[in-house]
Protein backbone atom coordinates (compact mmCIF):
# COMPACT_ATOMS: atom_id res chain seq x y z
CA MET A 1 -33.40 -23.03 -19.47
CA PHE A 2 -29.91 -21.48 -19.41
CA CYS A 3 -29.62 -18.68 -16.88
CA GLY A 4 -26.71 -17.37 -14.74
CA ALA A 5 -26.68 -16.80 -11.02
CA ASN A 6 -28.58 -13.83 -9.65
CA THR A 7 -27.23 -10.41 -10.54
CA LYS A 8 -26.61 -9.29 -6.95
CA GLY A 9 -24.48 -12.32 -6.28
CA ARG A 10 -22.48 -11.90 -9.47
CA ARG A 11 -21.95 -8.21 -8.81
CA LYS A 12 -20.75 -9.04 -5.34
CA HIS A 13 -18.22 -11.51 -6.75
CA ILE A 14 -17.11 -8.98 -9.37
CA ARG A 15 -16.54 -6.34 -6.70
CA ARG A 16 -14.54 -8.77 -4.58
CA LEU A 17 -12.53 -9.90 -7.58
CA SER A 18 -11.81 -6.31 -8.55
CA ALA A 19 -10.73 -5.50 -5.00
CA LEU A 20 -8.16 -8.28 -5.22
CA ILE A 21 -6.79 -7.59 -8.69
CA VAL A 22 -7.24 -3.84 -9.24
CA ARG A 23 -5.86 -2.18 -6.19
CA VAL A 24 -3.14 -0.29 -4.60
CA LEU A 25 -1.50 -1.22 -1.94
CA PRO A 26 -3.32 -0.81 0.59
CA VAL A 27 -4.01 -3.64 0.25
CA LEU A 28 -1.69 -6.15 1.49
CA PHE A 29 1.18 -7.99 3.13
CA PHE A 30 4.49 -9.44 5.10
CA ALA A 31 7.80 -9.05 6.83
CA PHE A 32 10.06 -9.29 3.86
CA SER A 33 8.89 -9.50 0.31
CA THR A 34 9.86 -12.56 -1.66
CA SER A 35 7.44 -11.64 -4.42
CA ALA A 36 7.82 -9.16 -7.24
CA GLU A 37 4.38 -7.59 -7.49
CA ARG A 38 4.52 -4.71 -9.96
CA LEU A 39 2.75 -1.79 -8.30
CA PRO A 40 1.09 1.12 -10.14
CA VAL A 41 4.09 3.41 -9.60
CA LYS A 42 5.05 6.68 -11.30
CA THR A 43 8.57 7.94 -10.58
CA TYR A 44 9.72 11.58 -10.59
CA THR A 45 13.44 12.34 -10.73
CA VAL A 46 15.77 15.11 -11.91
CA ALA A 47 14.74 14.12 -15.43
CA ASP A 48 11.23 15.38 -14.57
CA GLY A 49 12.47 18.66 -13.09
CA LEU A 50 13.03 17.50 -9.51
CA LEU A 51 15.98 19.35 -7.96
CA ARG A 52 17.61 16.18 -6.72
CA ASP A 53 16.69 12.52 -6.45
CA PHE A 54 17.25 12.53 -2.66
CA VAL A 55 13.81 13.50 -1.32
CA TYR A 56 13.77 13.89 2.46
CA ARG A 57 10.23 15.16 3.03
CA ILE A 58 6.97 15.39 1.05
CA LYS A 59 4.15 17.69 2.17
CA GLN A 60 0.91 18.82 0.50
CA ASP A 61 -0.35 22.38 0.82
CA SER A 62 -3.93 23.69 0.96
CA ARG A 63 -4.09 24.04 -2.83
CA GLY A 64 -3.08 20.44 -3.44
CA PHE A 65 0.49 21.21 -4.50
CA LEU A 66 3.16 18.80 -3.32
CA TRP A 67 6.43 20.14 -1.91
CA PHE A 68 9.52 17.95 -2.15
CA CYS A 69 12.28 18.83 0.32
CA THR A 70 15.64 17.77 -1.11
CA ALA A 71 19.36 18.22 -0.56
CA GLU A 72 19.39 20.96 -3.23
CA GLY A 73 16.33 22.96 -2.23
CA VAL A 74 12.57 22.58 -2.64
CA SER A 75 10.54 21.44 -5.66
CA ARG A 76 6.84 22.30 -5.87
CA PHE A 77 4.78 19.89 -7.99
CA ASP A 78 1.45 21.05 -9.45
CA GLY A 79 0.57 17.73 -11.08
CA ALA A 80 2.21 18.64 -14.37
CA GLY A 81 5.61 20.17 -13.65
CA MET A 82 8.06 21.34 -11.01
CA THR A 83 8.77 24.85 -9.72
CA ASN A 84 12.09 24.93 -7.88
CA PHE A 85 13.45 27.08 -5.05
CA THR A 86 17.16 26.99 -4.25
CA ALA A 87 19.86 28.84 -2.35
CA ALA A 88 20.23 31.04 -5.42
CA ASP A 89 16.64 32.20 -4.80
CA GLY A 90 17.35 33.15 -1.19
CA LEU A 91 17.11 29.92 0.80
CA PRO A 92 19.76 30.15 3.53
CA ASP A 93 21.00 26.64 2.75
CA ARG A 94 20.47 24.14 -0.03
CA ALA A 95 19.50 21.28 2.35
CA VAL A 96 15.79 21.48 3.29
CA ALA A 97 14.45 19.09 5.92
CA ASP A 98 10.78 20.09 6.31
CA PHE A 99 7.89 22.18 5.01
CA LEU A 100 5.00 23.79 6.88
CA GLU A 101 2.00 25.76 5.66
CA THR A 102 0.23 27.33 8.62
CA LYS A 103 -3.53 27.60 8.89
CA SER A 104 -3.21 31.26 7.90
CA GLY A 105 -1.37 30.31 4.72
CA VAL A 106 2.20 31.24 5.69
CA ILE A 107 4.84 28.85 4.33
CA TYR A 108 8.03 27.96 6.21
CA PHE A 109 11.01 25.79 5.31
CA ALA A 110 13.37 24.06 7.72
CA THR A 111 16.95 24.37 6.44
CA ASN A 112 20.40 23.61 7.77
CA LYS A 113 20.97 27.32 8.36
CA GLY A 114 17.78 28.63 9.79
CA LEU A 115 14.04 28.92 9.31
CA ALA A 116 12.99 30.41 5.96
CA ARG A 117 9.62 32.06 5.35
CA LEU A 118 8.35 32.32 1.78
CA ASN A 119 7.27 35.78 0.68
CA PRO A 120 4.42 35.20 -1.84
CA ASP A 121 5.02 38.66 -3.34
CA GLY A 122 8.81 38.40 -3.26
CA MET A 123 11.05 38.30 -6.28
CA ARG A 124 13.94 36.04 -7.07
CA GLY A 125 17.25 37.89 -6.78
CA SER A 126 15.71 41.03 -5.28
CA ALA A 127 17.43 42.61 -2.29
CA GLU A 128 14.55 45.02 -1.64
CA ASN A 129 11.81 42.41 -1.93
CA PRO A 130 13.43 39.01 -1.34
CA LEU A 131 11.66 35.73 -1.90
CA PHE A 132 12.61 34.44 1.57
CA THR A 133 13.00 35.87 5.06
CA VAL A 134 15.33 33.93 7.35
CA PHE A 135 15.02 33.54 11.14
CA LEU A 136 17.76 32.12 13.37
CA PRO A 137 17.80 31.12 17.04
CA THR A 138 20.28 33.00 19.18
CA ASN A 139 21.89 29.64 19.98
CA LYS A 140 24.38 28.95 17.21
CA ARG A 141 24.12 25.20 17.74
CA ALA A 142 20.38 25.35 17.05
CA GLU A 143 20.55 26.91 13.57
CA LYS A 144 19.93 23.53 11.91
CA ILE A 145 16.13 23.31 11.73
CA LYS A 146 14.94 19.68 11.79
CA THR A 147 11.13 19.71 11.97
CA LEU A 148 8.13 22.11 12.01
CA TYR A 149 4.68 21.76 13.55
CA GLU A 150 1.58 23.91 14.18
CA ASP A 151 -0.75 23.00 17.04
CA ARG A 152 -4.50 23.55 17.40
CA ASN A 153 -3.91 27.02 18.89
CA ASN A 154 -1.95 28.09 15.79
CA GLN A 155 1.32 27.99 17.68
CA VAL A 156 4.24 27.09 15.42
CA TRP A 157 6.84 24.83 17.02
CA VAL A 158 10.36 24.54 15.67
CA GLY A 159 12.55 21.53 16.36
CA THR A 160 16.25 22.24 15.99
CA SER A 161 19.63 20.56 16.32
CA ASP A 162 19.73 21.88 19.89
CA GLY A 163 16.34 22.26 21.46
CA LEU A 164 12.67 23.10 20.97
CA TYR A 165 11.51 26.60 20.07
CA LYS A 166 8.28 28.55 19.78
CA LEU A 167 7.79 30.92 16.86
CA ILE A 168 6.64 34.18 18.41
CA GLU A 169 5.38 37.04 16.25
CA THR A 170 4.82 40.43 17.85
CA ASP A 171 3.99 43.59 15.90
CA GLY A 172 5.26 42.00 12.71
CA ARG A 173 8.55 40.94 14.29
CA VAL A 174 9.40 37.24 14.52
CA ALA A 175 11.53 35.59 17.19
CA LEU A 176 12.35 32.02 18.21
CA GLU A 177 11.78 31.43 21.92
CA SER A 178 13.51 28.49 23.58
CA VAL A 179 11.42 25.89 25.45
CA LEU A 180 13.22 23.97 28.16
CA LEU A 181 13.02 20.18 27.80
CA GLY A 182 15.86 18.72 29.81
CA GLU A 183 19.52 17.85 29.70
CA PRO A 184 20.83 15.66 26.87
CA LEU A 185 21.32 11.99 27.67
CA PRO A 186 24.81 10.58 27.24
CA GLY A 187 25.85 7.58 25.18
CA PHE A 188 23.74 7.62 22.04
CA GLY A 189 26.66 7.44 19.58
CA GLY A 190 27.19 5.08 16.70
CA ALA A 191 25.09 6.85 14.07
CA ILE A 192 26.21 8.62 10.92
CA ASN A 193 25.72 12.41 11.07
CA GLU A 194 24.63 12.17 14.67
CA PRO A 195 24.01 15.49 16.39
CA ASP A 196 26.21 17.01 19.04
CA PRO A 197 26.09 14.63 22.06
CA ASN A 198 25.81 17.69 24.30
CA ALA A 199 22.66 18.91 22.53
CA VAL A 200 18.99 17.92 22.58
CA SER A 201 18.26 17.38 18.88
CA VAL A 202 14.49 17.53 18.24
CA SER A 203 13.37 15.17 15.49
CA ALA A 204 9.54 15.05 15.78
CA ILE A 205 6.70 17.10 17.29
CA LEU A 206 3.04 16.07 17.67
CA GLU A 207 0.00 17.31 19.57
CA THR A 208 -2.42 14.51 20.42
CA LYS A 209 -6.19 14.87 20.48
CA ASN A 210 -6.19 15.53 24.24
CA GLY A 211 -4.00 18.63 23.79
CA VAL A 212 -0.73 17.12 25.01
CA LEU A 213 2.41 17.98 23.07
CA TRP A 214 4.91 15.18 22.46
CA VAL A 215 8.48 15.88 21.39
CA GLY A 216 10.81 13.22 20.03
CA THR A 217 14.54 13.72 20.16
CA PHE A 218 17.50 11.96 18.61
CA GLY A 219 19.29 10.48 21.61
CA SER A 220 17.51 12.14 24.52
CA GLY A 221 14.26 10.18 24.43
CA LEU A 222 10.63 11.27 24.24
CA PHE A 223 9.18 14.28 26.06
CA ARG A 224 5.58 14.92 27.05
CA LEU A 225 4.67 18.57 27.57
CA SER A 226 1.55 19.21 29.58
CA PRO A 227 -0.52 22.38 28.97
CA ASN A 228 1.18 24.04 31.95
CA GLY A 229 4.58 23.56 30.28
CA GLU A 230 5.83 20.75 32.51
CA ALA A 231 8.05 18.29 30.62
CA ARG A 232 8.19 14.56 31.42
CA ARG A 233 10.89 12.48 29.73
CA PHE A 234 10.42 8.82 28.67
CA ALA A 235 13.52 6.85 27.78
CA MET A 236 14.81 3.30 27.44
CA SER A 237 14.20 2.67 31.12
CA ASP A 238 10.50 3.45 30.59
CA GLY A 239 10.10 0.70 28.01
CA LEU A 240 10.82 2.64 24.81
CA GLY A 241 13.73 0.40 23.95
CA ASP A 242 15.77 3.22 22.43
CA ASN A 243 16.28 6.96 22.93
CA LYS A 244 16.66 7.86 19.24
CA ILE A 245 13.17 8.94 18.12
CA THR A 246 12.54 9.50 14.40
CA ASP A 247 8.80 10.18 14.15
CA LEU A 248 5.49 10.46 16.04
CA LEU A 249 2.02 9.52 14.81
CA GLU A 250 -1.45 9.43 16.39
CA ASP A 251 -3.76 7.10 14.49
CA ARG A 252 -7.52 7.38 14.12
CA ASN A 253 -8.00 5.10 17.13
CA GLY A 254 -6.08 7.45 19.40
CA HIS A 255 -2.93 5.31 19.61
CA LEU A 256 0.36 7.16 19.73
CA TRP A 257 3.09 5.51 17.66
CA VAL A 258 6.77 6.23 18.21
CA SER A 259 9.36 5.16 15.63
CA LYS A 260 13.03 4.81 16.45
CA ARG A 261 16.42 4.39 14.87
CA SER A 262 18.66 1.59 16.07
CA ASP A 263 20.03 -1.59 14.59
CA VAL A 264 19.34 -3.49 17.80
CA THR A 265 16.67 -1.83 19.95
CA GLY A 266 14.76 0.40 17.52
CA GLY A 267 11.48 -0.35 15.76
CA VAL A 268 8.03 1.01 16.62
CA CYS A 269 6.23 1.38 19.96
CA ARG A 270 2.55 1.98 20.68
CA LEU A 271 1.73 4.31 23.56
CA ASP A 272 -1.49 5.13 25.34
CA ALA A 273 -1.90 8.84 24.75
CA ALA A 274 -5.35 9.11 26.31
CA GLU A 275 -4.00 9.33 29.84
CA ALA A 276 -2.13 12.63 29.80
CA SER A 277 -0.51 11.96 33.17
CA SER A 278 0.33 8.27 32.76
CA GLU A 279 3.77 7.34 34.06
CA GLN A 280 3.88 4.14 32.01
CA PRO A 281 2.33 4.93 28.60
CA VAL A 282 4.24 2.33 26.55
CA ARG A 283 1.92 -0.55 25.67
CA LYS A 284 3.76 -2.63 23.07
CA CYS A 285 6.87 -2.43 20.90
CA TYR A 286 7.61 -4.11 17.57
CA SER A 287 10.99 -4.94 16.06
CA VAL A 288 12.56 -7.25 13.50
CA LYS A 289 11.67 -10.24 15.64
CA ASP A 290 7.99 -9.37 15.07
CA GLY A 291 8.43 -9.08 11.32
CA LEU A 292 9.75 -5.55 10.74
CA GLY A 293 12.25 -5.46 7.91
CA SER A 294 14.52 -3.21 9.97
CA ASN A 295 14.69 -1.59 13.40
CA TRP A 296 15.52 1.73 11.74
CA ILE A 297 12.22 3.45 10.93
CA ARG A 298 12.52 6.84 9.22
CA ASP A 299 8.88 7.94 8.90
CA MET A 300 5.29 6.83 9.62
CA PHE A 301 2.03 7.69 7.90
CA GLU A 302 -1.66 6.81 8.19
CA THR A 303 -3.54 7.03 4.89
CA SER A 304 -7.13 8.22 4.56
CA ASP A 305 -8.36 4.61 4.46
CA GLY A 306 -6.73 3.86 7.83
CA GLY A 307 -3.67 2.04 6.48
CA LEU A 308 -0.45 2.38 8.50
CA TRP A 309 2.79 2.70 6.52
CA LEU A 310 6.42 2.86 7.59
CA ALA A 311 9.42 4.20 5.69
CA THR A 312 12.24 1.79 6.51
CA ILE A 313 15.75 0.86 5.39
CA PRO A 314 14.54 -2.16 3.32
CA GLY A 315 11.76 -0.09 1.70
CA LEU A 316 8.08 0.74 2.18
CA CYS A 317 6.35 -1.29 4.91
CA ARG A 318 2.62 -1.93 5.12
CA PHE A 319 2.35 -2.11 8.91
CA GLN A 320 -0.19 -4.62 10.26
CA PRO A 321 0.33 -4.91 14.01
CA GLU A 322 -2.74 -7.05 14.64
CA GLY A 323 -2.93 -10.80 14.04
CA ASP A 324 -0.49 -13.68 14.11
CA ALA A 325 1.28 -12.88 10.83
CA PRO A 326 4.49 -10.83 10.64
CA VAL A 327 3.69 -7.16 11.10
CA CYS A 328 5.31 -5.85 7.96
CA LYS A 329 4.88 -6.37 4.24
CA THR A 330 7.80 -4.65 2.55
CA TYR A 331 7.91 -3.18 -0.94
CA SER A 332 11.29 -2.38 -2.41
CA ALA A 333 13.17 -2.04 -5.71
CA LYS A 334 11.68 -5.36 -6.80
CA ASN A 335 8.28 -3.65 -6.71
CA ASP A 336 9.45 -0.53 -8.62
CA LEU A 337 10.06 1.40 -5.37
CA CYS A 338 13.35 2.06 -3.58
CA ASP A 339 15.14 -0.12 -1.05
CA ASP A 340 15.48 2.78 1.42
CA ALA A 341 12.44 5.01 1.99
CA PHE A 342 12.90 8.39 3.70
CA THR A 343 9.41 9.88 3.90
CA LEU A 344 5.72 9.23 3.17
CA ALA A 345 2.75 11.39 2.17
CA GLU A 346 -0.71 11.17 0.63
CA ASP A 347 -2.11 13.55 -1.97
CA LYS A 348 -5.67 14.86 -2.33
CA ASP A 349 -6.55 11.97 -4.65
CA GLY A 350 -5.54 9.33 -2.12
CA ASN A 351 -2.31 8.35 -3.86
CA LEU A 352 0.56 7.32 -1.60
CA TRP A 353 3.95 9.00 -2.15
CA THR A 354 7.41 7.94 -1.05
CA GLY A 355 10.58 10.00 -1.00
CA SER A 356 13.96 8.30 -1.21
CA SER A 357 17.31 8.34 -2.95
CA CYS A 358 15.38 7.16 -6.04
CA GLY A 359 13.33 10.35 -6.22
CA ALA A 360 9.63 10.82 -5.51
CA LYS A 361 7.36 7.88 -6.31
CA ARG A 362 3.60 7.96 -6.55
CA ILE A 363 1.66 4.75 -5.93
CA ALA A 364 -1.75 5.15 -7.51
CA ARG A 365 -4.67 4.43 -5.20
CA TYR A 366 -6.60 2.94 -8.08
CA GLY A 367 -4.42 0.98 -10.43
CA PHE A 368 -3.24 -2.46 -11.39
CA THR A 369 -0.91 -4.56 -9.29
CA ILE A 370 0.76 -7.05 -11.58
CA TYR A 371 1.49 -10.64 -10.53
CA ASN A 372 3.59 -13.02 -12.59
CA ALA A 373 5.74 -16.13 -12.32
CA ALA A 374 7.90 -14.42 -9.68
CA ASP A 375 4.81 -14.40 -7.44
CA GLY A 376 4.21 -18.15 -7.68
CA LEU A 377 2.26 -18.43 -10.92
CA ASP A 378 3.26 -21.33 -13.13
CA SER A 379 3.34 -19.06 -16.18
CA ASP A 380 2.72 -15.45 -17.16
CA HIS A 381 0.11 -16.64 -19.70
CA ILE A 382 -3.17 -16.58 -17.77
CA THR A 383 -6.17 -18.30 -19.31
CA SER A 384 -8.69 -18.04 -16.48
CA ILE A 385 -9.34 -16.15 -13.23
CA PHE A 386 -12.19 -17.33 -11.04
CA GLU A 387 -13.56 -17.54 -7.50
CA ASN A 388 -15.13 -20.49 -5.74
CA SER A 389 -18.23 -20.26 -3.57
CA THR A 390 -16.20 -19.30 -0.49
CA GLY A 391 -14.51 -16.37 -2.23
CA GLU A 392 -11.07 -17.90 -2.78
CA LEU A 393 -9.38 -16.56 -5.90
CA PHE A 394 -7.76 -18.87 -8.45
CA ALA A 395 -5.91 -18.55 -11.73
CA SER A 396 -5.30 -21.11 -14.43
CA THR A 397 -2.37 -20.73 -16.79
CA PHE A 398 -2.14 -21.80 -20.41
CA PRO A 399 -1.42 -25.51 -20.22
CA GLY A 400 1.77 -27.00 -21.54
CA SER A 401 2.25 -30.65 -20.75
CA GLU A 402 -0.10 -30.35 -17.75
CA ARG A 403 -2.95 -28.27 -16.40
CA VAL A 404 -1.90 -25.99 -13.49
CA VAL A 405 -4.28 -24.25 -11.07
CA SER A 406 -2.96 -21.55 -8.68
CA ARG A 407 -4.60 -20.07 -5.57
CA PHE A 408 -4.00 -16.51 -4.35
CA ASP A 409 -3.52 -16.11 -0.58
CA GLY A 410 -3.47 -12.32 -0.51
CA GLU A 411 0.28 -12.27 -1.00
CA LYS A 412 1.27 -14.74 -3.66
CA PHE A 413 0.09 -17.74 -5.65
CA SER A 414 0.62 -21.43 -4.91
CA ALA A 415 0.27 -23.97 -7.70
CA ILE A 416 -1.41 -27.38 -7.89
CA ARG A 417 -1.12 -29.86 -10.75
CA PRO A 418 -4.20 -32.12 -10.93
CA ARG A 419 -3.58 -35.70 -12.05
CA VAL A 420 -5.24 -35.59 -15.45
CA SER A 421 -4.19 -37.92 -18.22
CA ALA A 422 -4.64 -36.28 -21.62
CA PRO A 423 -3.57 -37.99 -24.84
CA GLU A 424 -0.51 -36.34 -26.30
CA ASN A 425 -0.62 -33.97 -23.29
CA TYR A 426 -3.18 -31.81 -25.10
CA HIS A 427 -5.31 -29.90 -22.61
CA GLY A 428 -7.22 -27.73 -25.07
CA TRP A 429 -6.98 -24.09 -26.04
CA GLY A 430 -9.99 -22.64 -24.23
CA TRP A 431 -9.72 -19.63 -21.98
CA GLN A 432 -11.73 -17.48 -19.51
CA GLN A 433 -14.33 -19.87 -17.94
CA ILE A 434 -12.19 -22.98 -18.31
CA VAL A 435 -11.53 -24.38 -14.80
CA LEU A 436 -13.98 -24.22 -11.92
CA GLN A 437 -14.77 -25.52 -8.46
CA ASP A 438 -18.53 -26.00 -8.30
CA SER A 439 -20.89 -25.31 -5.39
CA ARG A 440 -20.45 -28.91 -4.18
CA GLY A 441 -16.71 -28.40 -3.86
CA ALA A 442 -15.87 -30.57 -6.87
CA TRP A 443 -13.25 -29.46 -9.37
CA TRP A 444 -13.81 -29.52 -13.13
CA ILE A 445 -10.63 -29.87 -15.20
CA PRO A 446 -10.95 -29.64 -19.00
CA THR A 447 -8.74 -31.23 -21.65
CA GLY A 448 -8.71 -31.54 -25.40
CA TYR A 449 -10.35 -34.96 -25.02
CA GLY A 450 -13.06 -34.37 -22.44
CA VAL A 451 -13.60 -33.03 -18.95
CA PHE A 452 -12.72 -34.54 -15.55
CA ARG A 453 -14.44 -34.04 -12.19
CA SER A 454 -13.12 -34.57 -8.68
CA PRO A 455 -15.21 -35.86 -5.75
CA ASP A 456 -17.35 -33.35 -3.89
CA ASP A 457 -15.66 -31.28 -1.14
CA THR A 458 -12.18 -31.59 -2.61
CA SER A 459 -10.02 -28.84 -1.14
CA PHE A 460 -7.36 -27.06 -3.13
CA GLU A 461 -4.68 -28.65 -0.97
CA ASN A 462 -5.99 -32.14 -1.85
CA LEU A 463 -6.60 -31.49 -5.54
CA ALA A 464 -3.19 -32.72 -6.68
CA GLY A 465 -3.85 -36.20 -5.27
CA ALA A 466 -7.61 -36.38 -5.78
CA PRO A 467 -9.05 -39.01 -8.15
CA LEU A 468 -10.55 -37.36 -11.23
CA GLU A 469 -13.40 -39.06 -13.08
CA LYS A 470 -13.86 -38.44 -16.77
CA GLN A 471 -17.39 -37.28 -17.57
CA ASP A 472 -19.37 -38.86 -20.38
CA LEU A 473 -19.79 -36.27 -23.15
CA GLY A 474 -20.78 -38.89 -25.71
CA ALA A 475 -17.39 -38.60 -27.43
CA ASP A 476 -13.87 -37.32 -26.73
CA LEU A 477 -14.73 -33.66 -27.22
CA GLU A 478 -12.48 -30.66 -26.64
CA VAL A 479 -13.89 -28.54 -23.80
CA PHE A 480 -13.78 -24.79 -24.42
CA ARG A 481 -15.91 -23.27 -21.61
CA LEU A 482 -17.31 -24.31 -18.23
CA PHE A 483 -19.99 -22.46 -16.27
CA GLU A 484 -22.10 -23.24 -13.18
CA ASP A 485 -25.51 -21.62 -12.96
CA SER A 486 -27.55 -20.68 -9.88
CA ARG A 487 -29.17 -24.14 -9.70
CA GLY A 488 -25.83 -25.94 -9.55
CA ASP A 489 -25.96 -27.19 -13.14
CA VAL A 490 -22.65 -27.09 -14.98
CA TRP A 491 -22.73 -26.02 -18.61
CA ILE A 492 -20.08 -27.33 -20.97
CA LEU A 493 -19.21 -25.80 -24.32
CA THR A 494 -17.12 -27.89 -26.69
CA THR A 495 -15.29 -27.04 -29.90
CA SER A 496 -13.05 -28.45 -32.63
CA GLN A 497 -14.51 -31.95 -33.27
CA ALA A 498 -18.03 -30.74 -32.45
CA ASP A 499 -19.54 -27.44 -31.31
CA LYS A 500 -21.94 -28.48 -28.59
CA LEU A 501 -23.58 -27.02 -25.52
CA LEU A 502 -24.04 -29.66 -22.80
CA ARG A 503 -25.50 -29.50 -19.32
CA TRP A 504 -24.46 -31.52 -16.29
CA ASP A 505 -27.55 -31.88 -14.10
CA GLY A 506 -26.38 -31.09 -10.59
CA LEU A 507 -29.74 -32.03 -9.01
CA LYS A 508 -29.12 -35.67 -9.70
CA THR A 509 -26.86 -37.62 -7.39
CA SER A 510 -24.42 -38.80 -10.03
CA GLY A 511 -24.99 -35.98 -12.48
CA THR A 512 -25.97 -36.55 -16.09
CA ILE A 513 -24.86 -34.64 -19.16
CA THR A 514 -27.36 -33.83 -21.88
CA PRO A 515 -27.28 -31.60 -24.96
CA ARG A 516 -29.13 -28.31 -24.41
CA LYS A 517 -30.41 -25.46 -26.52
CA PRO A 518 -30.10 -21.96 -24.99
CA ASP A 519 -33.35 -20.49 -23.68
CA PHE A 520 -33.14 -16.93 -22.38
CA ARG A 521 -36.77 -16.22 -21.66
CA ALA A 522 -36.48 -16.39 -17.87
CA CYS A 523 -33.37 -14.13 -17.66
CA ALA A 524 -35.33 -10.89 -17.63
CA TRP A 525 -32.60 -8.77 -16.06
CA VAL A 526 -29.44 -10.77 -16.58
CA ARG A 527 -27.14 -9.93 -19.46
CA LEU A 528 -25.63 -13.17 -20.67
CA TRP A 529 -23.66 -14.02 -23.78
CA LEU A 530 -22.89 -17.35 -25.38
CA LYS A 531 -20.26 -17.44 -28.06
CA THR A 532 -19.70 -20.29 -30.49
CA ASN A 533 -17.63 -20.58 -33.61
CA THR A 534 -20.51 -19.39 -35.76
CA ALA A 535 -22.63 -17.01 -33.73
CA MET A 536 -22.97 -14.96 -30.56
CA PHE A 537 -26.16 -15.25 -28.56
CA GLY A 538 -27.02 -12.48 -26.11
CA SER A 539 -29.67 -11.89 -23.51
CA ALA A 540 -30.47 -8.45 -22.18
CA ARG A 541 -33.80 -7.60 -20.54
CA ALA A 542 -35.52 -10.71 -21.96
CA ALA A 543 -34.27 -9.96 -25.49
CA THR A 544 -32.51 -12.70 -27.46
CA THR A 545 -30.20 -11.76 -30.29
CA ALA A 546 -27.95 -13.62 -32.65
CA LYS A 547 -25.20 -11.99 -34.61
CA ALA A 548 -23.13 -13.73 -37.24
CA ARG A 549 -19.41 -13.17 -37.16
């Protein structure tokens, strides 16, 4: 009887195989990328209607539209095309740093010359009914709006180049009310386009689940605002490592993450946000010595599947703070992204977006990641992909002068060359089920002149030096397919000199090979196909069919 392994088991293996091969990133990886995995990336630039390729911020609104904040204005993407808003349409400045849609549906833009509110009924070029209304703090040094945030009480907070403000609306009139944080800290120079050293430049605002407001500044540290308005500053002396804060993020586990900008003491720190009055909230910090590609982190994002991502100078980082491995797997221009990522976002379909000097890039949540010779494969011509009984994934490439088997470690492939002697270096032309490691841990290596088997329990690491015994097929036959069934029998299909179906009896100690005729009667709910040079035999729900080519 010829019958495959049980359907549940095979479906399980198929799901695991699919999760490894058809995936997005989430998926994956380490401190600096030496591989060249081709991600499922779609790029949007000025050629696609984007105002400018420098995208500083990406936000999604309640309708699913994406807003790209650029150095030339704002582009709204509806999935098909761009609608652009510029200074010519009433924005007070062409440089836009942030976007906010409030819970009531009001849209604001942070620009270099004030806060702009979009009038949904406004008209481009109209003085009587303008498209934008602009609000400015009374402090001239604070007119550069850096970041926007709305808390759980619908209070809009405005971070500026000099201080934190509340947006107060009374009887239809809007004003920006200053919130006292503290005096600026001296000595944070050395950065391009750094703010006024005599100002408190607010770079990030976040309300944690316990109702505490955190405010990150560029050069003056991190502030914690309690509900009564009291501000507590945390700086380098409190374990932050650096006073230049770039972003704040609370993950689904309640951890507060703080990213920083510094070549030496930046990186990412994890804080305990649960204790609202803690005087020492910093728990652990990560830097290049832990595997970050850079200590300058521009943005952080947690995707809907719980993945943590960092926008860094070397590119997009998949942040994995747990475990012994380096904490960062970086994707860059080699992976069809950009070497310097500015911002991160996720759309309603779960796709991850990056903004950079290369435009806006969408990494499809469900797509193909391509691996080739740059990722450790011996060749780009793959003949077989298979798993062993422990779930390890292997690939076999089309053999040249030798048979090569590669194992995937979650990052890249490593290759082994079994010691098989084939006359004239001919290893056959079979594909798909052509190399396998059976349930006993023995490897089966086919050639154009027979098949070889290693001892039981031969690991991949030991395969290159393992003795391989040629199996008795009755003649030097070219092996075209190999398959192990649920009983541990190995089925061998040969071609060229003779088209035969043989079975290696795994129940016997030494294993014997005998010719077999397919019998599908017991495979009542397994769909199985056998293809030879002359016919295709199929089994589906106990039905046996044969179809001539």
